[in-house]
Protein backbone atom coordinates (compact mmCIF):
# COMPACT_ATOMS: atom_id res chain seq x y z
CA MET A 1 -56.31 45.09 26.83
CA VAL A 2 -59.58 44.84 28.72
CA ASP A 3 -62.27 43.32 26.51
CA LYS A 4 -65.69 44.92 26.03
CA VAL A 5 -67.49 42.67 28.53
CA ASP A 6 -64.91 43.42 31.20
CA LYS A 7 -65.13 47.15 30.45
CA GLU A 8 -68.89 47.12 30.93
CA GLU A 9 -68.54 45.38 34.30
CA ILE A 10 -65.72 47.67 35.35
CA ALA A 11 -67.75 50.72 34.28
CA LYS A 12 -70.74 49.56 36.35
CA GLU A 13 -68.50 48.98 39.37
CA PHE A 14 -66.81 52.35 38.86
CA ILE A 15 -70.19 54.13 38.76
CA ARG A 16 -71.34 52.21 41.86
CA LYS A 17 -68.25 53.41 43.71
CA ILE A 18 -68.92 56.99 42.62
CA ASP A 19 -72.54 56.68 43.77
CA ASN A 20 -71.37 55.43 47.18
CA GLN A 21 -69.31 58.57 47.77
CA SER A 22 -71.66 60.92 49.58
CA GLU A 23 -69.54 63.99 48.85
CA ILE A 24 -69.70 63.36 45.10
CA ASP A 25 -72.96 64.24 43.36
CA LEU A 26 -72.58 63.63 39.64
CA GLY A 27 -75.20 63.31 36.97
CA TYR A 28 -75.46 60.37 34.59
CA ASN A 29 -73.60 62.15 31.77
CA ASP A 30 -70.78 63.12 34.09
CA LYS A 31 -70.40 59.51 35.19
CA ILE A 32 -70.32 58.31 31.58
CA TRP A 33 -67.75 61.00 30.71
CA LEU A 34 -65.56 59.98 33.65
CA THR A 35 -65.81 56.31 32.75
CA ARG A 36 -64.94 56.90 29.09
CA ASN A 37 -61.95 59.02 30.04
CA LEU A 38 -60.79 56.41 32.51
CA PHE A 39 -60.82 53.76 29.77
CA GLU A 40 -59.13 56.07 27.28
CA LEU A 41 -56.30 56.62 29.76
CA LEU A 42 -56.01 52.90 30.44
CA ASP A 43 -55.98 52.14 26.70
CA GLU A 44 -53.30 54.79 26.09
CA LYS A 45 -51.15 53.38 28.88
CA GLU A 46 -51.55 49.86 27.56
CA ALA A 47 -50.74 50.97 24.01
CA ALA A 48 -47.61 52.76 25.23
CA GLN A 49 -46.50 49.64 27.09
CA SER A 50 -47.13 47.41 24.09
CA GLU A 51 -44.88 49.66 21.99
CA LEU A 52 -41.92 48.83 24.19
CA PRO A 53 -39.40 46.63 22.43
CA ILE A 54 -38.93 43.02 23.33
CA LYS A 55 -36.47 42.90 26.18
CA VAL A 56 -33.05 41.59 25.31
CA GLU A 57 -30.50 40.35 27.74
CA ALA A 58 -28.09 43.24 28.16
CA ARG A 59 -24.64 43.37 29.64
CA ASN A 60 -24.42 44.46 33.27
CA SER A 61 -22.55 47.65 32.34
CA VAL A 62 -25.24 48.55 29.77
CA CYS A 63 -27.98 48.07 32.38
CA ARG A 64 -26.11 50.16 34.96
CA PHE A 65 -25.51 52.91 32.40
CA ALA A 66 -29.16 52.88 31.25
CA ASN A 67 -30.34 53.08 34.87
CA ALA A 68 -28.02 56.02 35.51
CA MET A 69 -29.34 57.73 32.36
CA GLU A 70 -32.92 57.21 33.57
CA LYS A 71 -32.09 58.74 36.98
CA VAL A 72 -30.85 61.88 35.24
CA LEU A 73 -33.95 62.00 33.03
CA LYS A 74 -36.28 61.59 36.02
CA ALA A 75 -34.46 64.31 37.93
CA ASN A 76 -35.18 66.61 34.98
CA ASP A 77 -38.81 65.60 34.36
CA HIS A 78 -39.90 69.05 35.55
CA LYS A 79 -38.38 70.49 32.34
CA GLY A 80 -40.76 68.53 30.12
CA GLY A 81 -40.01 65.96 27.46
CA TRP A 82 -37.85 66.13 24.36
CA GLU A 83 -40.46 64.91 21.87
CA ASP A 84 -41.24 68.45 20.66
CA SER A 85 -37.65 69.68 20.74
CA SER A 86 -36.09 70.49 17.41
CA TYR A 87 -33.24 68.44 16.07
CA ARG A 88 -31.03 71.56 16.01
CA TYR A 89 -31.78 72.35 19.67
CA LEU A 90 -30.96 68.82 20.81
CA GLU A 91 -27.86 68.75 18.64
CA ALA A 92 -26.68 72.08 20.11
CA ARG A 93 -27.25 70.79 23.65
CA LEU A 94 -25.30 67.62 22.78
CA VAL A 95 -22.35 69.69 21.56
CA GLU A 96 -22.54 71.84 24.71
CA GLU A 97 -22.48 68.75 26.95
CA MET A 98 -19.53 67.36 24.99
CA GLY A 99 -17.68 70.63 25.57
CA GLU A 100 -18.36 70.36 29.30
CA TYR A 101 -17.07 66.79 29.29
CA PHE A 102 -13.85 67.74 27.49
CA HIS A 103 -13.40 70.69 29.89
CA ASP A 104 -13.63 68.27 32.83
CA VAL A 105 -11.17 65.86 31.18
CA ALA A 106 -8.72 68.70 30.48
CA ALA A 107 -9.01 69.68 34.14
CA ASP A 108 -8.14 66.04 34.93
CA ASP A 109 -11.51 65.60 36.65
CA ARG A 110 -12.34 62.16 35.30
CA ASN A 111 -14.59 61.13 38.16
CA SER A 112 -18.04 62.36 39.13
CA GLU A 113 -18.27 65.46 36.92
CA ALA A 114 -16.98 63.67 33.83
CA GLN A 115 -19.38 60.79 34.49
CA LYS A 116 -22.28 63.24 34.86
CA GLU A 117 -21.41 64.84 31.53
CA LEU A 118 -21.18 61.43 29.84
CA LEU A 119 -24.71 60.66 31.07
CA ASP A 120 -25.92 64.01 29.71
CA ILE A 121 -24.24 63.25 26.37
CA ALA A 122 -25.83 59.81 26.25
CA ASN A 123 -29.25 61.22 27.08
CA TYR A 124 -29.05 63.82 24.31
CA CYS A 125 -27.96 61.08 21.89
CA MET A 126 -30.96 59.03 22.99
CA MET A 127 -33.31 62.01 22.53
CA LEU A 128 -32.00 62.63 19.01
CA TRP A 129 -32.28 58.92 18.20
CA ASP A 130 -35.81 58.79 19.61
CA ASN A 131 -37.00 61.88 17.72
CA LEU A 132 -35.63 60.41 14.50
CA GLY A 133 -37.88 57.39 15.03
CA GLY A 134 -35.31 55.15 16.69
CA ASP A 135 -36.01 51.46 16.46
């Protein structure tokens, strides 16, 4: 976290940079508001990072699987997060994804489609775990 002295210096530098932009004409209160919001965002980001668990050495297959899960999540970021989703909704989606996986297995498609469904299943499990306060 940036200490108070550093924040004051950073704020002064930030305001100087705003003042040097000829196309930006902000009043004193606007500059203070911008600076406060900048620090709030930085503090929130730092707090979120400090909440991350201590990294443990994971097996290669676990890392590959987690990276594949993250790719699927990022590809679906436009849908919004799961934090406000109800447990019943996430549970229903999990069951739906499991059905799709078993359909692919029954069709003897155990390659790309089955792998995609397993990632979806894992992601819904993670969302449920996270919303239940997973530690």
